[in-house]
PDB file of N, CA and C in Angstrom:
ATOM      1  N   UNK A   1       0.837  -1.183   0.000  1.00  0.00           N
ATOM      2  CA  UNK A   1       0.000   0.000   0.000  1.00  0.00           C
ATOM      3  C   UNK A   1       0.882   1.247   0.000  1.00  0.00           C
ATOM      4  N   UNK A   2       0.551   2.167  -0.837  1.00  0.00           N
ATOM      5  CA  UNK A   2       1.311   3.415  -0.917  1.00  0.00           C
ATOM      6  C   UNK A   2       0.998   4.289   0.286  1.00  0.00           C
ATOM      7  N   UNK A   3       2.056   4.967   0.787  1.00  0.00           N
ATOM      8  CA  UNK A   3       1.898   5.862   1.917  1.00  0.00           C
ATOM      9  C   UNK A   3       2.633   7.167   1.630  1.00  0.00           C
ATOM     10  N   UNK A   4       2.055   8.252   2.113  1.00  0.00           N
ATOM     11  CA  UNK A   4       2.672   9.557   1.934  1.00  0.00           C
ATOM     12  C   UNK A   4       4.071   9.563   2.533  1.00  0.00           C
ATOM     13  N   UNK A   5       5.034  10.063   1.757  1.00  0.00           N
ATOM     14  CA  UNK A   5       6.401  10.211   2.222  1.00  0.00           C
ATOM     15  C   UNK A   5       7.283   8.996   2.069  1.00  0.00           C
ATOM     16  N   UNK A   6       6.744   7.890   1.584  1.00  0.00           N
ATOM     17  CA  UNK A   6       7.537   6.676   1.414  1.00  0.00           C
ATOM     18  C   UNK A   6       8.085   6.606  -0.005  1.00  0.00           C
ATOM     19  N   UNK A   7       9.313   6.079  -0.127  1.00  0.00           N
ATOM     20  CA  UNK A   7       9.922   5.902  -1.435  1.00  0.00           C
ATOM     21  C   UNK A   7       9.047   4.974  -2.268  1.00  0.00           C
ATOM     22  N   UNK A   8       8.694   5.409  -3.480  1.00  0.00           N
ATOM     23  CA  UNK A   8       7.732   4.677  -4.290  1.00  0.00           C
ATOM     24  C   UNK A   8       8.252   4.333  -5.682  1.00  0.00           C
ATOM     25  N   UNK A   9       9.252   5.053  -6.156  1.00  0.00           N
ATOM     26  CA  UNK A   9       9.665   4.909  -7.553  1.00  0.00           C
ATOM     27  C   UNK A   9      11.053   5.514  -7.689  1.00  0.00           C
ATOM     28  N   UNK A  10      11.808   5.085  -8.668  1.00  0.00           N
ATOM     29  CA  UNK A  10      13.087   5.718  -8.955  1.00  0.00           C
ATOM     30  C   UNK A  10      13.261   5.825 -10.461  1.00  0.00           C
ATOM     31  N   UNK A  11      13.627   7.003 -10.915  1.00  0.00           N
ATOM     32  CA  UNK A  11      13.917   7.210 -12.329  1.00  0.00           C
ATOM     33  C   UNK A  11      15.423   7.349 -12.491  1.00  0.00           C
ATOM     34  N   UNK A  12      15.950   6.684 -13.495  1.00  0.00           N
ATOM     35  CA  UNK A  12      17.394   6.734 -13.732  1.00  0.00           C
ATOM     36  C   UNK A  12      17.662   7.134 -15.176  1.00  0.00           C
ATOM     37  N   UNK A  13      18.673   7.967 -15.371  1.00  0.00           N
ATOM     38  CA  UNK A  13      18.989   8.384 -16.730  1.00  0.00           C
ATOM     39  C   UNK A  13      19.624   7.240 -17.513  1.00  0.00           C
ATOM     40  N   UNK A  14      19.372   7.254 -18.803  1.00  0.00           N
ATOM     41  CA  UNK A  14      20.009   6.296 -19.714  1.00  0.00           C
ATOM     42  C   UNK A  14      20.619   7.056 -20.875  1.00  0.00           C
ATOM     43  N   UNK A  15      21.059   8.271 -20.599  1.00  0.00           N
ATOM     44  CA  UNK A  15      21.560   9.139 -21.665  1.00  0.00           C
ATOM     45  C   UNK A  15      22.956   8.751 -22.124  1.00  0.00           C
ATOM     46  N   UNK A  16      23.662   7.916 -21.351  1.00  0.00           N
ATOM     47  CA  UNK A  16      24.994   7.479 -21.742  1.00  0.00           C
ATOM     48  C   UNK A  16      24.984   6.299 -22.691  1.00  0.00           C
ATOM     49  N   UNK A  17      23.816   5.778 -22.992  1.00  0.00           N
ATOM     50  CA  UNK A  17      23.669   4.649 -23.903  1.00  0.00           C
ATOM     51  C   UNK A  17      22.333   4.750 -24.583  1.00  0.00           C
ATOM     52  N   UNK A  18      21.899   3.679 -25.180  1.00  0.00           N
ATOM     53  CA  UNK A  18      20.565   3.665 -25.769  1.00  0.00           C
ATOM     54  C   UNK A  18      19.621   2.961 -24.805  1.00  0.00           C
ATOM     55  N   UNK A  19      18.355   3.255 -24.945  1.00  0.00           N
ATOM     56  CA  UNK A  19      17.368   2.586 -24.110  1.00  0.00           C
ATOM     57  C   UNK A  19      17.430   1.078 -24.326  1.00  0.00           C
ATOM     58  N   UNK A  20      17.604   0.663 -25.566  1.00  0.00           N
ATOM     59  CA  UNK A  20      17.708  -0.771 -25.860  1.00  0.00           C
ATOM     60  C   UNK A  20      18.907  -1.407 -25.173  1.00  0.00           C
ATOM     61  N   UNK A  21      20.047  -0.709 -25.132  1.00  0.00           N
ATOM     62  CA  UNK A  21      21.237  -1.295 -24.500  1.00  0.00           C
ATOM     63  C   UNK A  21      21.064  -1.400 -22.985  1.00  0.00           C
ATOM     64  N   UNK A  22      20.421  -0.407 -22.386  1.00  0.00           N
ATOM     65  CA  UNK A  22      20.170  -0.452 -20.944  1.00  0.00           C
ATOM     66  C   UNK A  22      19.199  -1.573 -20.607  1.00  0.00           C
ATOM     67  N   UNK A  23      18.131  -1.673 -21.387  1.00  0.00           N
ATOM     68  CA  UNK A  23      17.159  -2.745 -21.157  1.00  0.00           C
ATOM     69  C   UNK A  23      17.807  -4.117 -21.345  1.00  0.00           C
ATOM     70  N   UNK A  24      18.632  -4.257 -22.370  1.00  0.00           N
ATOM     71  CA  UNK A  24      19.299  -5.538 -22.626  1.00  0.00           C
ATOM     72  C   UNK A  24      20.218  -5.907 -21.461  1.00  0.00           C
ATOM     73  N   UNK A  25      20.956  -4.925 -20.937  1.00  0.00           N
ATOM     74  CA  UNK A  25      21.852  -5.190 -19.821  1.00  0.00           C
ATOM     75  C   UNK A  25      21.075  -5.722 -18.614  1.00  0.00           C
ATOM     76  N   UNK A  26      20.040  -4.991 -18.171  1.00  0.00           N
ATOM     77  CA  UNK A  26      19.302  -5.402 -16.978  1.00  0.00           C
ATOM     78  C   UNK A  26      18.496  -6.683 -17.208  1.00  0.00           C
ATOM     79  N   UNK A  27      18.024  -6.869 -18.425  1.00  0.00           N
ATOM     80  CA  UNK A  27      17.324  -8.123 -18.753  1.00  0.00           C
ATOM     81  C   UNK A  27      18.273  -9.310 -18.651  1.00  0.00           C
ATOM     82  N   UNK A  28      19.470  -9.157 -19.188  1.00  0.00           N
ATOM     83  CA  UNK A  28      20.446 -10.246 -19.183  1.00  0.00           C
ATOM     84  C   UNK A  28      21.034 -10.474 -17.796  1.00  0.00           C
ATOM     85  N   UNK A  29      21.444  -9.401 -17.145  1.00  0.00           N
ATOM     86  CA  UNK A  29      22.112  -9.537 -15.851  1.00  0.00           C
ATOM     87  C   UNK A  29      21.167  -9.932 -14.716  1.00  0.00           C
ATOM     88  N   UNK A  30      19.936  -9.428 -14.735  1.00  0.00           N
ATOM     89  CA  UNK A  30      19.045  -9.614 -13.597  1.00  0.00           C
ATOM     90  C   UNK A  30      17.649 -10.118 -13.962  1.00  0.00           C
ATOM     91  N   UNK A  31      17.413 -10.434 -15.230  1.00  0.00           N
ATOM     92  CA  UNK A  31      16.111 -10.931 -15.710  1.00  0.00           C
ATOM     93  C   UNK A  31      14.982  -9.923 -15.523  1.00  0.00           C
ATOM     94  N   UNK A  32      15.303  -8.629 -15.610  1.00  0.00           N
ATOM     95  CA  UNK A  32      14.272  -7.609 -15.502  1.00  0.00           C
ATOM     96  C   UNK A  32      13.419  -7.597 -16.760  1.00  0.00           C
ATOM     97  N   UNK A  33      12.167  -7.174 -16.614  1.00  0.00           N
ATOM     98  CA  UNK A  33      11.289  -6.957 -17.764  1.00  0.00           C
ATOM     99  C   UNK A  33      10.863  -5.488 -17.757  1.00  0.00           C
ATOM    100  N   UNK A  34      10.463  -4.998 -18.923  1.00  0.00           N
ATOM    101  CA  UNK A  34      10.193  -3.582 -19.097  1.00  0.00           C
ATOM    102  C   UNK A  34       8.867  -3.339 -19.810  1.00  0.00           C
ATOM    103  N   UNK A  35       8.296  -2.162 -19.561  1.00  0.00           N
ATOM    104  CA  UNK A  35       7.128  -1.668 -20.285  1.00  0.00           C
ATOM    105  C   UNK A  35       7.527  -0.338 -20.899  1.00  0.00           C
ATOM    106  N   UNK A  36       7.476  -0.241 -22.212  1.00  0.00           N
ATOM    107  CA  UNK A  36       7.860   0.989 -22.900  1.00  0.00           C
ATOM    108  C   UNK A  36       6.719   1.995 -22.903  1.00  0.00           C
ATOM    109  N   UNK A  37       7.084   3.253 -22.663  1.00  0.00           N
ATOM    110  CA  UNK A  37       6.151   4.372 -22.749  1.00  0.00           C
ATOM    111  C   UNK A  37       6.759   5.375 -23.716  1.00  0.00           C
ATOM    112  N   UNK A  38       6.636   5.084 -24.975  1.00  0.00           N
ATOM    113  CA  UNK A  38       7.222   5.933 -25.999  1.00  0.00           C
ATOM    114  C   UNK A  38       8.668   5.549 -26.254  1.00  0.00           C
ATOM    115  N   UNK A  39       9.324   6.302 -27.139  1.00  0.00           N
ATOM    116  CA  UNK A  39      10.673   5.937 -27.565  1.00  0.00           C
ATOM    117  C   UNK A  39      11.776   6.309 -26.566  1.00  0.00           C
ATOM    118  N   UNK A  40      11.459   7.128 -25.536  1.00  0.00           N
ATOM    119  CA  UNK A  40      12.509   7.590 -24.633  1.00  0.00           C
ATOM    120  C   UNK A  40      12.337   7.155 -23.181  1.00  0.00           C
ATOM    121  N   UNK A  41      11.322   6.315 -22.886  1.00  0.00           N
ATOM    122  CA  UNK A  41      11.086   5.925 -21.488  1.00  0.00           C
ATOM    123  C   UNK A  41      10.641   4.477 -21.415  1.00  0.00           C
ATOM    124  N   UNK A  42      11.246   3.744 -20.490  1.00  0.00           N
ATOM    125  CA  UNK A  42      10.868   2.356 -20.257  1.00  0.00           C
ATOM    126  C   UNK A  42      10.841   2.102 -18.759  1.00  0.00           C
ATOM    127  N   UNK A  43       9.735   1.560 -18.265  1.00  0.00           N
ATOM    128  CA  UNK A  43       9.539   1.334 -16.831  1.00  0.00           C
ATOM    129  C   UNK A  43       9.842  -0.111 -16.459  1.00  0.00           C
ATOM    130  N   UNK A  44      10.202  -0.300 -15.191  1.00  0.00           N
ATOM    131  CA  UNK A  44      10.424  -1.641 -14.654  1.00  0.00           C
ATOM    132  C   UNK A  44       9.731  -1.773 -13.308  1.00  0.00           C
ATOM    133  N   UNK A  45       9.500  -2.991 -12.890  1.00  0.00           N
ATOM    134  CA  UNK A  45       8.927  -3.288 -11.587  1.00  0.00           C
ATOM    135  C   UNK A  45       9.690  -4.467 -11.015  1.00  0.00           C
ATOM    136  N   UNK A  46      10.743  -4.163 -10.313  1.00  0.00           N
ATOM    137  CA  UNK A  46      11.669  -5.200  -9.845  1.00  0.00           C
ATOM    138  C   UNK A  46      11.992  -5.007  -8.364  1.00  0.00           C
ATOM    139  N   UNK A  47      10.996  -5.120  -7.511  1.00  0.00           N
ATOM    140  CA  UNK A  47      11.182  -4.862  -6.086  1.00  0.00           C
ATOM    141  C   UNK A  47      10.789  -3.440  -5.759  1.00  0.00           C
ATOM    142  N   UNK A  48      11.381  -2.500  -6.441  1.00  0.00           N
ATOM    143  CA  UNK A  48      11.000  -1.093  -6.401  1.00  0.00           C
ATOM    144  C   UNK A  48      10.717  -0.704  -7.835  1.00  0.00           C
ATOM    145  N   UNK A  49       9.548  -0.141  -8.075  1.00  0.00           N
ATOM    146  CA  UNK A  49       9.227   0.287  -9.434  1.00  0.00           C
ATOM    147  C   UNK A  49      10.135   1.436  -9.836  1.00  0.00           C
ATOM    148  N   UNK A  50      10.375   1.548 -11.132  1.00  0.00           N
ATOM    149  CA  UNK A  50      11.189   2.640 -11.633  1.00  0.00           C
ATOM    150  C   UNK A  50      11.209   2.651 -13.135  1.00  0.00           C
ATOM    151  N   UNK A  51      12.056   3.475 -13.691  1.00  0.00           N
ATOM    152  CA  UNK A  51      12.156   3.557 -15.139  1.00  0.00           C
ATOM    153  C   UNK A  51      13.434   4.245 -15.565  1.00  0.00           C
ATOM    154  N   UNK A  52      13.798   4.019 -16.816  1.00  0.00           N
ATOM    155  CA  UNK A  52      14.941   4.664 -17.453  1.00  0.00           C
ATOM    156  C   UNK A  52      14.422   5.594 -18.533  1.00  0.00           C
ATOM    157  N   UNK A  53      15.078   6.753 -18.706  1.00  0.00           N
ATOM    158  CA  UNK A  53      14.724   7.596 -19.838  1.00  0.00           C
ATOM    159  C   UNK A  53      15.971   8.131 -20.501  1.00  0.00           C
ATOM    160  N   UNK A  54      15.870   8.273 -21.820  1.00  0.00           N
ATOM    161  CA  UNK A  54      17.022   8.688 -22.612  1.00  0.00           C
ATOM    162  C   UNK A  54      16.976  10.154 -23.014  1.00  0.00           C
ATOM    163  N   UNK A  55      15.859  10.831 -22.776  1.00  0.00           N
ATOM    164  CA  UNK A  55      15.726  12.230 -23.175  1.00  0.00           C
ATOM    165  C   UNK A  55      16.276  13.128 -22.072  1.00  0.00           C
ATOM    166  N   UNK A  56      17.462  13.675 -22.273  1.00  0.00           N
ATOM    167  CA  UNK A  56      18.124  14.497 -21.262  1.00  0.00           C
ATOM    168  C   UNK A  56      17.341  15.764 -20.953  1.00  0.00           C
ATOM    169  N   UNK A  57      16.486  16.212 -21.867  1.00  0.00           N
ATOM    170  CA  UNK A  57      15.703  17.425 -21.604  1.00  0.00           C
ATOM    171  C   UNK A  57      14.521  17.141 -20.692  1.00  0.00           C
ATOM    172  N   UNK A  58      14.089  15.896 -20.610  1.00  0.00           N
ATOM    173  CA  UNK A  58      12.950  15.540 -19.765  1.00  0.00           C
ATOM    174  C   UNK A  58      13.367  14.966 -18.425  1.00  0.00           C
ATOM    175  N   UNK A  59      14.525  14.324 -18.369  1.00  0.00           N
ATOM    176  CA  UNK A  59      14.916  13.631 -17.162  1.00  0.00           C
ATOM    177  C   UNK A  59      16.065  14.283 -16.439  1.00  0.00           C
ATOM    178  N   UNK A  60      16.393  13.701 -15.325  1.00  0.00           N
ATOM    179  CA  UNK A  60      17.493  14.161 -14.495  1.00  0.00           C
ATOM    180  C   UNK A  60      18.789  13.497 -14.933  1.00  0.00           C
ATOM    181  N   UNK A  61      19.904  14.161 -14.706  1.00  0.00           N
ATOM    182  CA  UNK A  61      21.207  13.588 -15.034  1.00  0.00           C
ATOM    183  C   UNK A  61      21.655  12.586 -13.969  1.00  0.00           C
ATOM    184  N   UNK A  62      20.958  12.545 -12.841  1.00  0.00           N
ATOM    185  CA  UNK A  62      21.258  11.632 -11.737  1.00  0.00           C
ATOM    186  C   UNK A  62      20.000  10.827 -11.431  1.00  0.00           C
ATOM    187  N   UNK A  63      20.141   9.715 -10.697  1.00  0.00           N
ATOM    188  CA  UNK A  63      18.937   8.999 -10.269  1.00  0.00           C
ATOM    189  C   UNK A  63      18.005   9.933  -9.498  1.00  0.00           C
ATOM    190  N   UNK A  64      16.723   9.767  -9.714  1.00  0.00           N
ATOM    191  CA  UNK A  64      15.711  10.619  -9.100  1.00  0.00           C
ATOM    192  C   UNK A  64      14.798   9.783  -8.214  1.00  0.00           C
ATOM    193  N   UNK A  65      14.979   9.806  -6.893  1.00  0.00           N
ATOM    194  CA  UNK A  65      14.038   9.120  -6.006  1.00  0.00           C
ATOM    195  C   UNK A  65      12.684   9.827  -6.070  1.00  0.00           C
ATOM    196  N   UNK A  66      11.626   9.046  -6.112  1.00  0.00           N
ATOM    197  CA  UNK A  66      10.278   9.592  -6.198  1.00  0.00           C
ATOM    198  C   UNK A  66       9.468   9.085  -5.006  1.00  0.00           C
ATOM    199  N   UNK A  67       8.968  10.022  -4.221  1.00  0.00           N
ATOM    200  CA  UNK A  67       8.131   9.704  -3.067  1.00  0.00           C
ATOM    201  C   UNK A  67       6.672   9.786  -3.474  1.00  0.00           C
ATOM    202  N   UNK A  68       5.807   9.166  -2.699  1.00  0.00           N
ATOM    203  CA  UNK A  68       4.369   9.201  -2.970  1.00  0.00           C
ATOM    204  C   UNK A  68       3.692  10.171  -2.007  1.00  0.00           C
ATOM    205  N   UNK A  69       2.589  10.758  -2.429  1.00  0.00           N
ATOM    206  CA  UNK A  69       1.776  11.607  -1.564  1.00  0.00           C
ATOM    207  C   UNK A  69       0.301  11.389  -1.849  1.00  0.00           C
ATOM    208  N   UNK A  70      -0.481  11.269  -0.790  1.00  0.00           N
ATOM    209  CA  UNK A  70      -1.939  11.190  -0.940  1.00  0.00           C
ATOM    210  C   UNK A  70      -2.526  12.562  -1.235  1.00  0.00           C
ATOM    211  N   UNK A  71      -1.819  13.634  -0.847  1.00  0.00           N
ATOM    212  CA  UNK A  71      -2.281  14.994  -1.106  1.00  0.00           C
ATOM    213  C   UNK A  71      -1.074  15.832  -1.520  1.00  0.00           C
ATOM    214  N   UNK A  72      -0.922  15.998  -2.804  1.00  0.00           N
ATOM    215  CA  UNK A  72       0.260  16.649  -3.361  1.00  0.00           C
ATOM    216  C   UNK A  72       0.439  18.085  -2.862  1.00  0.00           C
ATOM    217  N   UNK A  73      -0.639  18.834  -2.800  1.00  0.00           N
ATOM    218  CA  UNK A  73      -0.546  20.227  -2.361  1.00  0.00           C
ATOM    219  C   UNK A  73      -0.089  20.317  -0.898  1.00  0.00           C
ATOM    220  N   UNK A  74      -0.616  19.454  -0.027  1.00  0.00           N
ATOM    221  CA  UNK A  74      -0.197  19.451   1.378  1.00  0.00           C
ATOM    222  C   UNK A  74       1.277  19.076   1.507  1.00  0.00           C
ATOM    223  N   UNK A  75       1.705  18.091   0.715  1.00  0.00           N
ATOM    224  CA  UNK A  75       3.098  17.667   0.784  1.00  0.00           C
ATOM    225  C   UNK A  75       4.026  18.755   0.264  1.00  0.00           C
ATOM    226  N   UNK A  76       3.635  19.447  -0.806  1.00  0.00           N
ATOM    227  CA  UNK A  76       4.434  20.560  -1.313  1.00  0.00           C
ATOM    228  C   UNK A  76       4.585  21.632  -0.234  1.00  0.00           C
ATOM    229  N   UNK A  77       3.501  21.935   0.457  1.00  0.00           N
ATOM    230  CA  UNK A  77       3.555  22.938   1.535  1.00  0.00           C
ATOM    231  C   UNK A  77       4.474  22.471   2.660  1.00  0.00           C
ATOM    232  N   UNK A  78       4.429  21.184   3.004  1.00  0.00           N
ATOM    233  CA  UNK A  78       5.278  20.641   4.068  1.00  0.00           C
ATOM    234  C   UNK A  78       6.753  20.680   3.666  1.00  0.00           C
ATOM    235  N   UNK A  79       7.039  20.353   2.409  1.00  0.00           N
ATOM    236  CA  UNK A  79       8.416  20.394   1.910  1.00  0.00           C
ATOM    237  C   UNK A  79       8.951  21.821   1.971  1.00  0.00           C
ATOM    238  N   UNK A  80       8.150  22.760   1.536  1.00  0.00           N
ATOM    239  CA  UNK A  80       8.555  24.172   1.543  1.00  0.00           C
ATOM    240  C   UNK A  80       8.763  24.654   2.977  1.00  0.00           C
ATOM    241  N   UNK A  81       7.834  24.318   3.875  1.00  0.00           N
ATOM    242  CA  UNK A  81       7.942  24.750   5.273  1.00  0.00           C
ATOM    243  C   UNK A  81       9.171  24.162   5.958  1.00  0.00           C
ATOM    244  N   UNK A  82       9.594  22.977   5.519  1.00  0.00           N
ATOM    245  CA  UNK A  82      10.760  22.322   6.116  1.00  0.00           C
ATOM    246  C   UNK A  82      12.074  22.843   5.542  1.00  0.00           C
ATOM    247  N   UNK A  83      12.002  23.717   4.550  1.00  0.00           N
ATOM    248  CA  UNK A  83      13.210  24.289   3.975  1.00  0.00           C
ATOM    249  C   UNK A  83      13.600  23.730   2.631  1.00  0.00           C
ATOM    250  N   UNK A  84      12.743  22.898   2.046  1.00  0.00           N
ATOM    251  CA  UNK A  84      13.016  22.384   0.707  1.00  0.00           C
ATOM    252  C   UNK A  84      12.821  23.475  -0.339  1.00  0.00           C
ATOM    253  N   UNK A  85      13.567  23.374  -1.437  1.00  0.00           N
ATOM    254  CA  UNK A  85      13.451  24.343  -2.532  1.00  0.00           C
ATOM    255  C   UNK A  85      12.733  23.661  -3.690  1.00  0.00           C
ATOM    256  N   UNK A  86      11.649  24.230  -4.151  1.00  0.00           N
ATOM    257  CA  UNK A  86      10.888  23.660  -5.252  1.00  0.00           C
ATOM    258  C   UNK A  86      11.664  23.870  -6.548  1.00  0.00           C
ATOM    259  N   UNK A  87      11.979  22.768  -7.230  1.00  0.00           N
ATOM    260  CA  UNK A  87      12.734  22.800  -8.476  1.00  0.00           C
ATOM    261  C   UNK A  87      11.778  22.832  -9.669  1.00  0.00           C
ATOM    262  N   UNK A  88      10.708  22.045  -9.598  1.00  0.00           N
ATOM    263  CA  UNK A  88       9.655  22.042 -10.622  1.00  0.00           C
ATOM    264  C   UNK A  88       8.322  22.041  -9.896  1.00  0.00           C
ATOM    265  N   UNK A  89       7.480  23.051 -10.117  1.00  0.00           N
ATOM    266  CA  UNK A  89       6.175  23.070  -9.475  1.00  0.00           C
ATOM    267  C   UNK A  89       5.310  21.905  -9.979  1.00  0.00           C
ATOM    268  N   UNK A  90       4.187  21.710  -9.347  1.00  0.00           N
ATOM    269  CA  UNK A  90       3.300  20.598  -9.698  1.00  0.00           C
ATOM    270  C   UNK A  90       2.966  20.628 -11.186  1.00  0.00           C
ATOM    271  N   UNK A  91       3.131  19.464 -11.818  1.00  0.00           N
ATOM    272  CA  UNK A  91       2.793  19.308 -13.237  1.00  0.00           C
ATOM    273  C   UNK A  91       2.182  17.933 -13.436  1.00  0.00           C
ATOM    274  N   UNK A  92       1.450  17.792 -14.534  1.00  0.00           N
ATOM    275  CA  UNK A  92       0.817  16.513 -14.875  1.00  0.00           C
ATOM    276  C   UNK A  92       1.744  15.687 -15.747  1.00  0.00           C
ATOM    277  N   UNK A  93       1.648  14.377 -15.612  1.00  0.00           N
ATOM    278  CA  UNK A  93       2.355  13.426 -16.458  1.00  0.00           C
ATOM    279  C   UNK A  93       1.432  12.229 -16.622  1.00  0.00           C
ATOM    280  N   UNK A  94       1.692  11.339 -17.585  1.00  0.00           N
ATOM    281  CA  UNK A  94       0.830  10.169 -17.746  1.00  0.00           C
ATOM    282  C   UNK A  94       0.828   9.331 -16.463  1.00  0.00           C
ATOM    283  N   UNK A  95      -0.310   9.281 -15.795  1.00  0.00           N
ATOM    284  CA  UNK A  95      -0.424   8.505 -14.568  1.00  0.00           C
ATOM    285  C   UNK A  95      -0.630   9.329 -13.316  1.00  0.00           C
ATOM    286  N   UNK A  96      -0.490  10.651 -13.406  1.00  0.00           N
ATOM    287  CA  UNK A  96      -0.696  11.460 -12.210  1.00  0.00           C
ATOM    288  C   UNK A  96      -0.121  12.848 -12.325  1.00  0.00           C
ATOM    289  N   UNK A  97       0.262  13.390 -11.167  1.00  0.00           N
ATOM    290  CA  UNK A  97       0.881  14.713 -11.081  1.00  0.00           C
ATOM    291  C   UNK A  97       2.065  14.607 -10.137  1.00  0.00           C
ATOM    292  N   UNK A  98       3.024  15.536 -10.276  1.00  0.00           N
ATOM    293  CA  UNK A  98       4.155  15.518  -9.366  1.00  0.00           C
ATOM    294  C   UNK A  98       4.849  16.870  -9.333  1.00  0.00           C
ATOM    295  N   UNK A  99       5.751  17.011  -8.355  1.00  0.00           N
ATOM    296  CA  UNK A  99       6.646  18.163  -8.290  1.00  0.00           C
ATOM    297  C   UNK A  99       8.021  17.653  -7.891  1.00  0.00           C
ATOM    298  N   UNK A 100       9.044  18.482  -8.161  1.00  0.00           N
ATOM    299  CA  UNK A 100      10.418  18.153  -7.796  1.00  0.00           C
ATOM    300  C   UNK A 100      10.899  19.184  -6.778  1.00  0.00           C
ATOM    301  N   UNK A 101      11.741  18.734  -5.850  1.00  0.00           N
ATOM    302  CA  UNK A 101      12.318  19.642  -4.882  1.00  0.00           C
ATOM    303  C   UNK A 101      13.768  19.258  -4.607  1.00  0.00           C
ATOM    304  N   UNK A 102      14.509  20.212  -4.052  1.00  0.00           N
ATOM    305  CA  UNK A 102      15.872  19.957  -3.598  1.00  0.00           C
ATOM    306  C   UNK A 102      15.877  20.026  -2.075  1.00  0.00           C
ATOM    307  N   UNK A 103      16.530  19.044  -1.465  1.00  0.00           N
ATOM    308  CA  UNK A 103      16.661  19.047  -0.005  1.00  0.00           C
ATOM    309  C   UNK A 103      17.805  19.972   0.395  1.00  0.00           C
ATOM    310  N   UNK A 104      18.044  20.186   1.695  1.00  0.00           N
ATOM    311  CA  UNK A 104      19.109  21.103   2.110  1.00  0.00           C
ATOM    312  C   UNK A 104      20.501  20.712   1.630  1.00  0.00           C
ATOM    313  N   UNK A 105      20.717  19.431   1.290  1.00  0.00           N
ATOM    314  CA  UNK A 105      22.018  18.993   0.782  1.00  0.00           C
ATOM    315  C   UNK A 105      22.129  19.143  -0.726  1.00  0.00           C
ATOM    316  N   UNK A 106      21.039  19.582  -1.376  1.00  0.00           N
ATOM    317  CA  UNK A 106      21.057  19.766  -2.821  1.00  0.00           C
ATOM    318  C   UNK A 106      20.581  18.564  -3.612  1.00  0.00           C
ATOM    319  N   UNK A 107      20.152  17.484  -2.938  1.00  0.00           N
ATOM    320  CA  UNK A 107      19.631  16.308  -3.642  1.00  0.00           C
ATOM    321  C   UNK A 107      18.257  16.610  -4.221  1.00  0.00           C
ATOM    322  N   UNK A 108      18.050  16.244  -5.479  1.00  0.00           N
ATOM    323  CA  UNK A 108      16.745  16.436  -6.090  1.00  0.00           C
ATOM    324  C   UNK A 108      15.902  15.172  -5.910  1.00  0.00           C
ATOM    325  N   UNK A 109      14.677  15.358  -5.456  1.00  0.00           N
ATOM    326  CA  UNK A 109      13.701  14.288  -5.332  1.00  0.00           C
ATOM    327  C   UNK A 109      12.414  14.761  -5.966  1.00  0.00           C
ATOM    328  N   UNK A 110      11.507  13.838  -6.200  1.00  0.00           N
ATOM    329  CA  UNK A 110      10.185  14.175  -6.721  1.00  0.00           C
ATOM    330  C   UNK A 110       9.141  13.590  -5.786  1.00  0.00           C
ATOM    331  N   UNK A 111       7.958  14.150  -5.828  1.00  0.00           N
ATOM    332  CA  UNK A 111       6.809  13.628  -5.103  1.00  0.00           C
ATOM    333  C   UNK A 111       5.672  13.529  -6.094  1.00  0.00           C
ATOM    334  N   UNK A 112       5.011  12.365  -6.138  1.00  0.00           N
ATOM    335  CA  UNK A 112       3.912  12.193  -7.081  1.00  0.00           C
ATOM    336  C   UNK A 112       2.646  11.788  -6.339  1.00  0.00           C
ATOM    337  N   UNK A 113       1.521  12.040  -6.989  1.00  0.00           N
ATOM    338  CA  UNK A 113       0.220  11.633  -6.487  1.00  0.00           C
ATOM    339  C   UNK A 113      -0.697  11.356  -7.655  1.00  0.00           C
ATOM    340  N   UNK A 114      -1.757  10.636  -7.356  1.00  0.00           N
ATOM    341  CA  UNK A 114      -2.698  10.264  -8.414  1.00  0.00           C
ATOM    342  C   UNK A 114      -3.711  11.348  -8.657  1.00  0.00           C
TER     343      UNK A 114
END
């Protein structure tokens, strides 16, 4: 069951190779399977759900931990009140809405909700 504030997803860049080469590596090394969402994004569900994307303009250059929220607006307010810096305000994507923030150490994370 999803809970507010719990790690729910991780996005990882695949800009150093092709999406096919990344998928082939994880399929061969760990028997992962993938679901493609267009030519630049492929998702996996291997203990922790996540996905790889090859479009550097859409994704992060580093792994992006994604937390879940039952109420995105409340969580955004809590992040801001705690000293987080909003990197991307709430936006829609296929499957829900999310925002990105930086913690006090400069790590970028995202929070999504349905």
